[in-house]
Amino acid sequence: MIRFDHVTVTYDGEPEPVLRDVDLRVEEGELCLVVGRTGVGKSTLLGTVNGLVPHFTGGTLAGRVVVDGRDTAHHPPRELADVVGVVGQDPLAGFVTDTVEEELAYVMEQLAVPPQVMRKRVEETLDLLGLADLRHRALRELSGGQQQRVAIGSVLTAHPRVLILDEPTSALDPTAAEDVLAAVTRLVHDLGVTVLLAEHRLERVVQYADRIVHLTGDGTVEDGPARQIFRTASVAPPVVDLGRLAGWDPLPMSVRDARRMAAPLRRRLESAPAPRPPSGPKTGDPLLTARGVLVRYGPTVAVAGVDTVLHGGEVVALMGRNGSGKSSLLWALQGSGPRQGGTVKVSGTLPARNGEGHHDPGKLAPGAARTLVGLVPQTPTDLLYLDSVGAELAQADRESATTAEEATRGKPADPGRPSARALLDRIAPGIGDAVHPRDLSEGQKLSLVLAIQLAATPRVVLLDEPTRGLDYQAKTALIAIVRSLAAEGRAVVVSTHDVEFVASCADRVVVMAEGEVVADGPTADIVVSSPAFAPQTAKILSPLAYLTPHQVAAALAALPASAGEER
């Protein structure tokens, strides 16, 4: 169905090709999972399949990519639309209509599908992806996860023979992600659709993959069965990390497989010390106090009178299904979003005319509010407006130095303050100053905006889905940064569906549903008791309270040699 013959892709101005001499065959009805670190070329590989690379992106493509008998060098994307359906990393950028139902029908209109067939396919897709209640909603009013489901549905209505999915579950809660992947799997098994899927949250998708396509980082590609590739791959899900740690052979690809092999490991861990929380207990002073926060969009109540207190040195994970009000709450706390009721007070020092005390960020100028509460939004490009990465970083450093000097009444900026460039290199190394921000992958864009916001060193940091587009190594770097912020006495809130990130980083979890807080407590207490939010390690080793392979490794290292032997 898809054939790569010695494909090399080189972008203008880049010294090395992104893809180098790729030979690959993807058969009909096969689900191939594309894996690799952030920025290694996964989106480029996917883009070659429908001709976006190089017809739209530019650059030079050597070799041949043939899809269902059509050479993409001679068939631009419009001539492949009936065969290849593509869902990109940013669903909002691909929408062309106003409502959910119209968007689902649009592609079929372009392909001249008969009206009666269009109606049937729209209804099937609404049910398949759980969108029936949203059919008349405006696309701009949907949450990021809801938008992603609509984007997938708009492609499925055309019944393509090849489906290209770039980070399809990155904005979905665990339950919604399972529903989408189950739908994709049915298309593969029942209809013979060929799927090429790139995803960083491998724990969600690896068990469904027929084959792994691993981009090694030097432009070359290796492919094969999951158990073979993940023996040495640069990225791997927690279930594989745990399997490597325990020496399991064959490597498990699912929680079910791992539980069947885990009994000896559980016996070894029973005599080990109890696992420690990610960052330890927090006793810092309250930095942000919110009472009765109310956010309403027309008749829809997004946040229904939420109370919360954020303490210095605390990392809080904000979780809940798509549309539960998480992003609306973050914007209300930061001050830029609407807030129809309630109060938000942040302690801190502002320029001389404001002084030290408790301030409502919603009543401050944007520059002053940013020194109290920094927010990285779901769509990071909203905060990027200059023509190069270097210019964005330099501007962030200038603004941060100015506000710091004002806040300290004219004293020079702290020389130990990390620069935006240093922060970016810690999160996602290898991004050059000359690159245009719009040319970055979604994960790289998010990393850039995170570095820009952290350069201001706000006392409260709000991160809305910060792990979208980040590989496991990048998330490890992000965890280190979040913990360092907490160690400095700052409060960090992470709104996320990434349960593995929460297990590794958060001290406390707040769960929202329909605009209300329905659970609030220590991470282990909340996630282990939840089938939806429990990380893979917790599911495999239950009833033991281990959340990550790192905790397991630390426990095994603490055991005496005799106790470490399997019985």
Protein backbone atom coordinates (compact mmCIF):
# COMPACT_ATOMS: atom_id res chain seq x y z
CA MET A 1 0.00 0.00 0.00
CA ILE A 2 2.84 2.45 0.89
CA ARG A 3 6.36 2.08 -0.49
CA PHE A 4 9.44 4.15 0.32
CA ASP A 5 12.31 3.58 -2.10
CA HIS A 6 15.61 5.14 -0.96
CA VAL A 7 13.85 8.30 0.25
CA THR A 8 15.98 11.22 1.43
CA VAL A 9 14.47 14.56 2.49
CA THR A 10 16.60 17.67 2.93
CA TYR A 11 15.23 21.10 3.88
CA ASP A 12 16.78 24.29 2.54
CA GLY A 13 19.46 25.67 4.83
CA GLU A 14 19.84 22.44 6.82
CA PRO A 15 23.28 20.79 6.72
CA GLU A 16 21.95 17.24 7.09
CA PRO A 17 18.89 15.48 5.67
CA VAL A 18 15.94 14.83 7.97
CA LEU A 19 15.37 11.43 6.36
CA ARG A 20 18.24 9.48 4.87
CA ASP A 21 17.90 6.59 2.39
CA VAL A 22 14.65 5.24 3.84
CA ASP A 23 13.46 1.89 2.47
CA LEU A 24 10.11 0.88 3.92
CA ARG A 25 7.01 -1.14 3.00
CA VAL A 26 3.66 -0.74 4.74
CA GLU A 27 1.12 -3.37 3.74
CA GLU A 28 -2.64 -3.01 3.40
CA GLY A 29 -4.48 -3.30 6.72
CA GLU A 30 -1.34 -2.73 8.79
CA LEU A 31 -1.05 -0.38 11.76
CA CYS A 32 2.48 1.03 11.90
CA LEU A 33 3.54 3.06 14.92
CA VAL A 34 6.19 5.69 14.15
CA VAL A 35 8.40 6.44 17.17
CA GLY A 36 11.43 8.58 17.90
CA ARG A 37 12.56 11.58 19.86
CA THR A 38 11.10 15.05 19.40
CA GLY A 39 12.28 16.67 16.17
CA VAL A 40 13.83 13.58 14.52
CA GLY A 41 11.52 13.75 11.48
CA LYS A 42 8.37 11.81 12.34
CA SER A 43 6.07 14.51 10.91
CA THR A 44 8.27 14.71 7.80
CA LEU A 45 7.97 10.95 7.27
CA LEU A 46 4.19 11.17 7.59
CA GLY A 47 4.04 14.22 5.32
CA THR A 48 5.71 12.40 2.45
CA VAL A 49 2.83 9.93 2.26
CA ASN A 50 0.24 12.44 1.05
CA GLY A 51 2.67 14.75 -0.76
CA LEU A 52 2.75 17.59 1.77
CA VAL A 53 6.50 16.95 1.73
CA PRO A 54 7.84 18.47 -0.46
CA HIS A 55 4.89 20.01 -2.40
CA PHE A 56 3.81 22.20 0.53
CA THR A 57 6.76 22.27 2.93
CA GLY A 58 9.48 22.78 0.34
CA GLY A 59 12.85 21.09 0.51
CA THR A 60 14.18 18.32 -1.69
CA LEU A 61 12.88 14.76 -1.82
CA ALA A 62 15.09 12.15 -3.46
CA GLY A 63 13.84 8.63 -4.12
CA ARG A 64 10.20 7.59 -4.50
CA VAL A 65 7.13 7.41 -2.26
CA VAL A 66 4.34 5.38 -3.84
CA VAL A 67 0.87 5.16 -2.27
CA ASP A 68 -1.69 2.78 -3.75
CA GLY A 69 0.20 2.91 -7.03
CA ARG A 70 0.52 6.72 -7.13
CA ASP A 71 3.92 8.38 -7.01
CA THR A 72 3.64 11.38 -4.67
CA ALA A 73 6.25 13.25 -6.74
CA HIS A 74 3.67 13.49 -9.55
CA HIS A 75 0.50 13.65 -7.43
CA PRO A 76 0.09 16.66 -5.12
CA PRO A 77 -2.02 16.33 -1.94
CA ARG A 78 -5.30 17.21 -3.69
CA GLU A 79 -4.88 14.22 -6.02
CA LEU A 80 -4.32 11.86 -3.07
CA ALA A 81 -7.22 13.11 -0.93
CA ASP A 82 -9.49 10.20 -1.91
CA VAL A 83 -6.86 7.69 -0.78
CA VAL A 84 -5.00 9.32 2.12
CA GLY A 85 -6.60 10.99 5.13
CA VAL A 86 -4.36 13.10 7.37
CA VAL A 87 -4.88 14.41 10.90
CA GLY A 88 -2.11 16.79 11.95
CA GLN A 89 -0.77 17.74 15.36
CA ASP A 90 -2.83 20.96 15.51
CA PRO A 91 -6.46 20.11 14.68
CA LEU A 92 -7.65 23.72 14.87
CA ALA A 93 -5.33 24.67 12.01
CA GLY A 94 -7.11 22.21 9.71
CA PHE A 95 -10.71 23.27 10.31
CA VAL A 96 -12.50 25.10 7.48
CA THR A 97 -16.11 25.27 8.72
CA ASP A 98 -17.87 26.54 11.84
CA THR A 99 -19.65 23.59 13.45
CA VAL A 100 -18.91 19.95 14.18
CA GLU A 101 -21.48 18.54 11.75
CA GLU A 102 -20.34 20.82 8.93
CA GLU A 103 -16.71 19.85 9.47
CA LEU A 104 -17.52 16.15 9.30
CA ALA A 105 -19.30 16.68 5.98
CA TYR A 106 -16.80 19.04 4.36
CA VAL A 107 -14.33 16.50 2.94
CA MET A 108 -17.16 14.45 1.47
CA GLU A 109 -18.53 17.56 -0.23
CA GLN A 110 -15.15 18.10 -1.90
CA LEU A 111 -15.13 14.48 -3.06
CA ALA A 112 -18.71 14.75 -4.45
CA VAL A 113 -20.13 12.04 -2.19
CA PRO A 114 -23.94 11.72 -2.68
CA PRO A 115 -25.97 13.56 0.04
CA GLN A 116 -27.70 10.44 1.35
CA VAL A 117 -24.33 8.71 1.79
CA MET A 118 -22.90 11.82 3.49
CA ARG A 119 -25.69 11.86 6.08
CA LYS A 120 -25.19 8.18 6.90
CA ARG A 121 -21.42 8.56 7.31
CA VAL A 122 -21.79 11.65 9.49
CA GLU A 123 -24.13 9.79 11.86
CA GLU A 124 -21.80 6.77 11.99
CA THR A 125 -18.80 8.95 12.78
CA LEU A 126 -20.64 10.93 15.46
CA ASP A 127 -21.44 7.67 17.24
CA LEU A 128 -18.01 6.14 16.63
CA LEU A 129 -16.14 9.01 18.32
CA GLY A 130 -18.72 10.05 20.92
CA LEU A 131 -19.49 13.38 19.26
CA ALA A 132 -23.29 13.16 18.94
CA ASP A 133 -23.93 15.67 21.74
CA LEU A 134 -21.57 18.16 20.08
CA ARG A 135 -22.92 18.02 16.52
CA HIS A 136 -24.25 21.59 16.50
CA ARG A 137 -21.49 23.15 18.64
CA ALA A 138 -19.15 25.76 17.22
CA LEU A 139 -15.65 24.36 16.73
CA ARG A 140 -14.03 27.32 18.47
CA GLU A 141 -16.04 26.57 21.64
CA LEU A 142 -14.74 23.01 21.99
CA SER A 143 -11.93 21.92 24.27
CA GLY A 144 -8.65 20.86 22.70
CA GLY A 145 -9.49 17.17 23.10
CA GLN A 146 -12.93 17.60 21.57
CA GLN A 147 -11.40 19.43 18.62
CA GLN A 148 -8.98 16.55 18.11
CA ARG A 149 -11.81 14.02 17.96
CA VAL A 150 -13.62 16.17 15.40
CA ALA A 151 -10.45 16.39 13.30
CA ILE A 152 -10.14 12.60 13.29
CA GLY A 153 -13.82 12.22 12.46
CA SER A 154 -13.64 14.67 9.55
CA VAL A 155 -11.03 12.43 7.92
CA LEU A 156 -12.81 9.15 8.66
CA THR A 157 -16.02 10.22 6.88
CA ALA A 158 -14.17 10.10 3.55
CA HIS A 159 -13.39 6.39 4.11
CA PRO A 160 -9.71 6.69 3.12
CA ARG A 161 -7.65 3.57 2.39
CA VAL A 162 -4.65 5.11 4.19
CA LEU A 163 -4.95 7.03 7.45
CA ILE A 164 -2.09 9.24 8.71
CA LEU A 165 -2.35 10.26 12.36
CA ASP A 166 0.17 12.64 13.92
CA GLU A 167 -0.15 12.61 17.73
CA PRO A 168 -3.86 11.62 17.61
CA THR A 169 -4.31 11.17 21.39
CA SER A 170 -2.11 13.98 22.68
CA ALA A 171 -5.04 16.16 23.80
CA LEU A 172 -7.39 13.36 24.83
CA ASP A 173 -8.16 12.10 28.31
CA PRO A 174 -7.34 8.41 28.87
CA THR A 175 -10.88 7.18 28.30
CA ALA A 176 -11.38 9.24 25.13
CA ALA A 177 -7.97 8.09 23.85
CA GLU A 178 -8.99 4.46 24.33
CA ASP A 179 -12.22 5.10 22.42
CA VAL A 180 -10.39 6.73 19.51
CA LEU A 181 -7.74 3.99 19.33
CA ALA A 182 -10.43 1.32 19.51
CA ALA A 183 -12.16 2.98 16.56
CA VAL A 184 -8.90 3.14 14.60
CA THR A 185 -8.20 -0.51 15.39
CA ARG A 186 -11.64 -1.51 14.12
CA LEU A 187 -10.91 0.30 10.86
CA VAL A 188 -7.67 -1.67 10.51
CA HIS A 189 -9.09 -5.07 11.43
CA ASP A 190 -12.55 -4.86 9.85
CA LEU A 191 -12.04 -2.62 6.81
CA GLY A 192 -8.36 -3.15 5.99
CA VAL A 193 -7.44 0.52 6.40
CA THR A 194 -3.68 1.11 6.49
CA VAL A 195 -2.67 3.35 9.41
CA LEU A 196 0.60 5.17 9.92
CA LEU A 197 0.53 6.70 13.40
CA ALA A 198 3.09 8.85 15.22
CA GLU A 199 2.68 9.15 18.96
CA HIS A 200 4.82 10.05 21.98
CA ARG A 201 2.49 8.51 24.58
CA LEU A 202 3.53 5.02 23.60
CA GLU A 203 1.89 3.45 26.63
CA ARG A 204 -1.45 4.14 24.95
CA VAL A 205 -0.79 2.71 21.51
CA VAL A 206 2.06 0.19 21.45
CA GLN A 207 -0.21 -2.78 22.17
CA TYR A 208 -2.21 -2.06 18.98
CA ALA A 209 0.76 -1.79 16.61
CA ASP A 210 1.54 -4.47 14.05
CA ARG A 211 4.96 -2.97 13.43
CA ILE A 212 7.22 -0.23 14.81
CA VAL A 213 8.99 2.31 12.60
CA HIS A 214 11.80 3.81 14.67
CA LEU A 215 13.53 7.04 13.58
CA THR A 216 16.94 6.75 15.14
CA GLY A 217 17.89 10.44 15.05
CA ASP A 218 20.49 10.40 12.27
CA GLY A 219 17.92 10.31 9.46
CA THR A 220 17.83 6.54 9.16
CA VAL A 221 14.85 4.31 9.96
CA GLU A 222 14.62 0.82 11.41
CA ASP A 223 11.42 -1.19 11.47
CA GLY A 224 10.25 -4.50 12.84
CA PRO A 225 8.05 -6.13 15.51
CA ALA A 226 7.56 -4.13 18.69
CA ARG A 227 9.43 -6.56 20.94
CA GLN A 228 12.45 -6.46 18.65
CA ILE A 229 12.60 -2.68 18.18
CA PHE A 230 12.00 -1.77 21.82
CA ARG A 231 14.91 -3.87 23.00
CA THR A 232 17.21 -1.01 21.97
CA ALA A 233 14.92 1.88 20.89
CA SER A 234 15.73 5.39 22.13
CA VAL A 235 12.16 5.74 23.43
CA ALA A 236 9.98 3.16 25.18
CA PRO A 237 6.77 3.09 27.25
CA PRO A 238 6.88 2.40 31.02
CA VAL A 239 5.75 -1.21 30.55
CA VAL A 240 8.85 -1.82 28.43
CA ASP A 241 11.11 0.04 30.89
CA LEU A 242 9.76 -2.16 33.67
CA GLY A 243 10.29 -5.26 31.53
CA ARG A 244 13.89 -4.27 30.81
CA LEU A 245 14.47 -3.61 34.51
CA ALA A 246 13.04 -6.97 35.55
CA GLY A 247 14.75 -8.85 32.73
CA TRP A 248 11.50 -10.18 31.28
CA ASP A 249 11.73 -12.09 28.00
CA PRO A 250 9.80 -11.56 25.81
CA LEU A 251 9.25 -7.90 26.59
CA PRO A 252 5.61 -7.19 27.46
CA MET A 253 3.73 -4.71 25.28
CA SER A 254 0.60 -4.40 27.42
CA VAL A 255 -0.38 -4.26 31.07
CA ARG A 256 -2.07 -7.65 30.70
CA ASP A 257 1.12 -9.28 29.41
CA ALA A 258 3.19 -7.66 32.15
CA ARG A 259 0.87 -8.71 35.00
CA ARG A 260 1.24 -12.33 33.90
CA MET A 261 5.01 -12.02 34.39
CA ALA A 262 5.05 -9.74 37.45
CA ALA A 263 4.36 -12.10 40.37
CA PRO A 264 8.06 -12.76 41.18
CA LEU A 265 8.82 -9.04 40.98
CA ARG A 266 5.95 -8.22 43.34
CA ARG A 267 7.29 -10.76 45.85
CA ARG A 268 10.73 -9.14 45.73
CA LEU A 269 9.24 -5.69 46.31
CA GLU A 270 7.14 -6.72 49.30
CA SER A 271 10.23 -6.57 51.53
CA ALA A 272 11.48 -3.26 50.08
CA PRO A 273 10.93 0.14 51.75
CA ALA A 274 7.73 1.93 50.73
CA PRO A 275 8.19 4.10 47.62
CA ARG A 276 8.78 7.79 48.25
CA PRO A 277 6.57 10.52 46.75
CA PRO A 278 8.01 12.28 43.65
CA SER A 279 9.14 15.37 45.51
CA GLY A 280 8.33 14.80 49.16
CA PRO A 281 5.80 16.58 51.43
CA LYS A 282 5.34 20.34 51.05
CA THR A 283 5.02 22.86 53.85
CA GLY A 284 5.37 26.16 51.96
CA ASP A 285 3.20 29.20 52.50
CA PRO A 286 0.07 29.69 50.36
CA LEU A 287 1.01 31.56 47.17
CA LEU A 288 -2.38 31.55 45.45
CA THR A 289 -5.80 31.40 47.04
CA ALA A 290 -8.92 31.07 44.89
CA ARG A 291 -12.45 31.18 46.30
CA GLY A 292 -15.67 30.54 44.41
CA VAL A 293 -14.17 30.93 40.94
CA LEU A 294 -16.99 31.01 38.37
CA VAL A 295 -16.47 30.95 34.61
CA ARG A 296 -19.41 30.97 32.22
CA TYR A 297 -19.59 31.02 28.42
CA GLY A 298 -23.12 32.08 27.62
CA PRO A 299 -25.41 29.52 29.25
CA THR A 300 -22.57 27.01 29.70
CA VAL A 301 -20.90 26.95 33.13
CA ALA A 302 -17.27 25.89 32.61
CA VAL A 303 -16.05 26.42 36.21
CA ALA A 304 -18.65 26.19 38.94
CA GLY A 305 -17.45 27.93 42.10
CA VAL A 306 -14.07 26.25 42.53
CA ASP A 307 -11.99 26.78 45.69
CA THR A 308 -8.29 25.94 45.73
CA VAL A 309 -5.07 26.89 47.50
CA LEU A 310 -1.61 26.51 45.94
CA HIS A 311 1.37 26.30 48.28
CA GLY A 312 4.97 27.16 47.59
CA GLY A 313 7.03 24.09 46.73
CA GLU A 314 4.00 22.14 45.54
CA VAL A 315 3.39 20.48 42.17
CA VAL A 316 -0.33 20.01 41.51
CA ALA A 317 -1.75 17.97 38.63
CA LEU A 318 -5.12 19.11 37.31
CA MET A 319 -6.92 16.19 35.66
CA GLY A 320 -10.34 15.32 34.28
CA ARG A 321 -12.06 14.40 31.05
CA ASN A 322 -12.05 16.72 28.04
CA GLY A 323 -14.36 19.68 28.59
CA SER A 324 -14.36 19.40 32.40
CA GLY A 325 -13.18 23.03 32.83
CA LYS A 326 -9.44 22.61 33.42
CA SER A 327 -8.22 25.18 30.88
CA SER A 328 -10.93 27.66 31.85
CA LEU A 329 -9.82 27.43 35.47
CA LEU A 330 -6.17 28.02 34.56
CA TRP A 331 -6.97 31.11 32.49
CA ALA A 332 -9.13 32.47 35.32
CA LEU A 333 -6.31 31.95 37.83
CA GLN A 334 -3.81 33.64 35.50
CA GLY A 335 -6.08 36.66 35.03
CA SER A 336 -6.28 36.77 31.23
CA GLY A 337 -9.40 34.62 30.97
CA PRO A 338 -12.99 35.46 31.90
CA ARG A 339 -14.11 35.19 35.49
CA GLN A 340 -17.70 36.08 36.37
CA GLY A 341 -17.40 35.39 40.07
CA GLY A 342 -15.06 34.56 42.92
CA THR A 343 -11.67 35.90 43.97
CA VAL A 344 -8.05 35.07 43.13
CA LYS A 345 -5.22 36.41 45.29
CA VAL A 346 -1.51 35.86 44.65
CA SER A 347 1.18 36.87 47.11
CA GLY A 348 4.21 38.61 45.66
CA THR A 349 6.21 41.77 45.09
CA LEU A 350 5.33 44.03 42.17
CA PRO A 351 6.89 47.29 40.93
CA ALA A 352 6.98 50.04 43.51
CA ARG A 353 3.53 51.48 42.94
CA ASN A 354 1.92 48.12 43.69
CA GLY A 355 4.29 46.96 46.38
CA GLU A 356 4.25 43.67 48.26
CA GLY A 357 1.08 41.92 49.26
CA HIS A 358 -1.76 39.89 47.76
CA HIS A 359 -2.78 40.83 44.24
CA ASP A 360 -5.53 39.83 41.83
CA PRO A 361 -3.73 39.06 38.55
CA GLY A 362 -6.91 39.82 36.63
CA LYS A 363 -6.65 43.46 37.68
CA LEU A 364 -2.99 43.96 36.79
CA ALA A 365 -1.23 44.93 33.58
CA PRO A 366 -0.12 41.85 31.60
CA GLY A 367 3.59 42.42 32.30
CA ALA A 368 3.04 42.69 36.05
CA ALA A 369 0.66 39.73 36.13
CA ARG A 370 3.25 37.57 34.33
CA THR A 371 5.71 38.01 37.21
CA LEU A 372 3.11 36.54 39.57
CA VAL A 373 1.45 33.87 37.42
CA GLY A 374 2.89 32.45 34.20
CA LEU A 375 0.72 30.36 31.86
CA VAL A 376 1.74 28.13 28.97
CA PRO A 377 -1.44 27.55 26.89
CA GLN A 378 -2.51 24.46 24.98
CA THR A 379 -1.76 26.22 21.70
CA PRO A 380 1.78 27.56 22.22
CA THR A 381 1.90 29.44 18.90
CA ASP A 382 -0.51 31.98 20.41
CA LEU A 383 2.51 33.42 22.26
CA LEU A 384 5.00 33.36 19.35
CA TYR A 385 5.14 36.44 17.13
CA LEU A 386 8.80 37.04 16.09
CA ASP A 387 10.60 35.61 13.06
CA SER A 388 13.24 33.44 14.74
CA VAL A 389 13.78 31.34 17.84
CA GLY A 390 16.72 33.52 18.84
CA ALA A 391 14.61 36.69 18.66
CA GLU A 392 11.88 35.13 20.82
CA LEU A 393 14.43 34.04 23.45
CA ALA A 394 16.20 37.41 23.48
CA GLN A 395 12.89 39.28 23.84
CA ALA A 396 11.91 37.04 26.75
CA ASP A 397 15.22 37.75 28.51
CA ARG A 398 14.82 41.51 28.00
CA GLU A 399 11.27 41.56 29.35
CA SER A 400 12.18 39.37 32.30
CA ALA A 401 15.21 41.51 33.23
CA THR A 402 13.12 44.70 33.03
CA THR A 403 10.28 43.43 35.21
CA ALA A 404 12.73 41.93 37.72
CA GLU A 405 14.55 45.26 38.01
CA GLU A 406 11.27 47.10 38.52
CA ALA A 407 10.10 44.62 41.14
CA THR A 408 13.33 45.02 43.12
CA ARG A 409 13.20 48.81 42.86
CA GLY A 410 16.06 49.31 40.43
CA LYS A 411 18.43 46.59 41.59
CA PRO A 412 20.21 44.74 38.76
CA ALA A 413 18.74 41.43 37.66
CA ASP A 414 19.95 38.33 39.49
CA PRO A 415 22.98 37.02 37.53
CA GLY A 416 21.97 33.50 38.52
CA ARG A 417 18.62 33.83 36.74
CA PRO A 418 18.51 31.17 33.97
CA SER A 419 18.31 32.54 30.45
CA ALA A 420 15.51 31.51 28.11
CA ARG A 421 18.11 29.81 25.88
CA ALA A 422 19.45 27.75 28.80
CA LEU A 423 15.93 26.69 29.73
CA LEU A 424 15.13 25.71 26.13
CA ASP A 425 18.31 23.65 25.84
CA ARG A 426 17.37 21.76 28.99
CA ILE A 427 13.90 20.89 27.69
CA ALA A 428 14.52 20.36 23.95
CA PRO A 429 18.19 20.69 22.94
CA GLY A 430 19.26 21.25 19.36
CA ILE A 431 16.87 24.04 18.28
CA GLY A 432 18.91 26.70 16.48
CA ASP A 433 18.47 30.45 16.88
CA ALA A 434 17.86 31.01 13.16
CA VAL A 435 14.88 28.64 12.89
CA HIS A 436 11.47 30.26 12.40
CA PRO A 437 9.15 29.32 15.30
CA ARG A 438 6.42 28.23 12.86
CA ASP A 439 8.79 25.67 11.36
CA LEU A 440 9.19 23.83 14.67
CA SER A 441 7.33 20.65 15.54
CA GLU A 442 4.47 21.02 18.01
CA GLY A 443 6.66 19.65 20.81
CA GLN A 444 9.44 22.09 19.98
CA LYS A 445 6.99 25.03 19.88
CA LEU A 446 5.71 24.09 23.31
CA SER A 447 9.26 23.81 24.63
CA LEU A 448 10.07 27.29 23.30
CA VAL A 449 7.02 28.89 24.91
CA LEU A 450 7.71 27.11 28.18
CA ALA A 451 11.24 28.50 28.20
CA ILE A 452 9.92 32.00 27.46
CA GLN A 453 7.43 31.88 30.32
CA LEU A 454 9.86 30.39 32.83
CA ALA A 455 12.38 33.12 32.05
CA ALA A 456 10.14 35.52 34.00
CA THR A 457 10.41 33.20 37.05
CA PRO A 458 6.78 33.70 38.17
CA ARG A 459 5.84 32.57 41.65
CA VAL A 460 2.98 30.46 40.28
CA VAL A 461 3.44 28.51 37.04
CA LEU A 462 0.44 27.11 35.16
CA LEU A 463 1.07 24.58 32.39
CA ASP A 464 -1.81 23.52 30.13
CA GLU A 465 -1.02 20.15 28.51
CA PRO A 466 2.76 20.78 28.55
CA THR A 467 3.74 17.27 27.46
CA ARG A 468 1.99 17.32 24.07
CA GLY A 469 4.59 16.53 21.44
CA LEU A 470 7.34 15.73 23.96
CA ASP A 471 9.19 12.42 23.98
CA TYR A 472 10.06 10.60 27.20
CA GLN A 473 13.51 12.20 27.47
CA ALA A 474 12.04 15.67 26.98
CA LYS A 475 9.42 14.93 29.61
CA THR A 476 12.15 13.82 31.99
CA ALA A 477 13.86 17.18 31.43
CA LEU A 478 10.53 18.95 31.99
CA ILE A 479 10.04 17.04 35.26
CA ALA A 480 13.47 18.20 36.42
CA ILE A 481 12.55 21.81 35.62
CA VAL A 482 9.17 21.56 37.37
CA ARG A 483 10.79 20.08 40.45
CA SER A 484 13.49 22.74 40.47
CA LEU A 485 10.76 25.41 40.35
CA ALA A 486 9.05 23.75 43.30
CA ALA A 487 12.37 23.51 45.17
CA GLU A 488 12.72 27.28 44.76
CA GLY A 489 9.44 27.72 46.59
CA ARG A 490 7.18 28.22 43.58
CA ALA A 491 3.80 26.58 43.04
CA VAL A 492 3.31 24.66 39.80
CA VAL A 493 -0.01 23.47 38.34
CA VAL A 494 0.02 21.07 35.41
CA SER A 495 -3.23 20.44 33.57
CA THR A 496 -2.69 17.17 31.75
CA HIS A 497 -4.05 13.84 30.57
CA ASP A 498 -0.57 12.32 30.77
CA VAL A 499 -0.90 9.95 33.73
CA GLU A 500 2.72 8.81 33.48
CA PHE A 501 3.94 12.40 33.78
CA VAL A 502 1.67 12.95 36.78
CA ALA A 503 2.97 9.80 38.48
CA SER A 504 6.56 11.00 38.08
CA CYS A 505 6.10 14.63 39.00
CA ALA A 506 3.01 15.62 40.99
CA ASP A 507 2.65 15.83 44.75
CA ARG A 508 -1.10 16.36 44.61
CA VAL A 509 -3.86 15.64 42.10
CA VAL A 510 -7.05 17.66 41.62
CA VAL A 511 -9.72 16.01 39.47
CA MET A 512 -12.44 18.10 37.81
CA ALA A 513 -15.77 17.08 36.30
CA GLU A 514 -18.42 19.41 34.87
CA GLY A 515 -16.64 22.44 36.26
CA GLU A 516 -16.38 21.15 39.82
CA VAL A 517 -13.58 19.61 41.87
CA VAL A 518 -14.53 15.99 42.56
CA ALA A 519 -11.26 14.75 44.10
CA ASP A 520 -8.24 16.40 45.71
CA GLY A 521 -5.44 14.56 47.45
CA PRO A 522 -1.94 13.06 47.31
CA THR A 523 -0.99 11.65 43.92
CA ALA A 524 -0.75 8.02 44.98
CA ASP A 525 -4.15 8.11 46.71
CA ILE A 526 -5.93 9.58 43.70
CA VAL A 527 -4.36 7.84 40.70
CA VAL A 528 -3.93 4.32 42.09
CA SER A 529 -7.63 4.11 42.95
CA SER A 530 -8.68 5.24 39.47
CA PRO A 531 -8.76 2.77 36.54
CA ALA A 532 -8.59 5.71 34.12
CA PHE A 533 -5.74 7.65 35.75
CA ALA A 534 -3.56 4.83 37.10
CA PRO A 535 -0.11 4.66 35.42
CA GLN A 536 1.08 1.41 33.86
CA THR A 537 3.45 0.50 36.72
CA ALA A 538 0.66 0.87 39.28
CA LYS A 539 -1.62 -1.39 37.25
CA ILE A 540 1.08 -4.02 36.81
CA LEU A 541 2.28 -4.11 40.45
CA SER A 542 -1.06 -3.53 42.21
CA PRO A 543 -1.73 -3.76 45.14
CA LEU A 544 1.78 -2.41 45.78
CA ALA A 545 1.90 1.40 45.65
CA TYR A 546 4.53 1.85 42.94
CA LEU A 547 3.83 4.48 40.28
CA THR A 548 6.93 4.50 38.04
CA PRO A 549 9.76 2.18 36.93
CA HIS A 550 12.16 4.64 38.60
CA GLN A 551 10.57 3.93 41.99
CA VAL A 552 10.88 0.20 41.33
CA ALA A 553 14.55 0.54 40.40
CA ALA A 554 15.25 2.51 43.60
CA ALA A 555 13.46 -0.11 45.71
CA LEU A 556 15.36 -3.01 44.13
CA ALA A 557 18.66 -1.21 44.63
CA ALA A 558 17.87 -0.84 48.34
CA LEU A 559 17.27 -4.57 48.82
CA PRO A 560 20.01 -6.86 50.14
CA ALA A 561 21.44 -9.15 47.48
CA SER A 562 19.71 -12.24 48.89
CA ALA A 563 16.35 -10.47 49.03
CA GLY A 564 16.75 -9.35 45.45
CA GLU A 565 16.69 -12.91 44.10
CA GLU A 566 13.42 -14.12 42.65
CA ARG A 567 11.64 -16.91 44.49
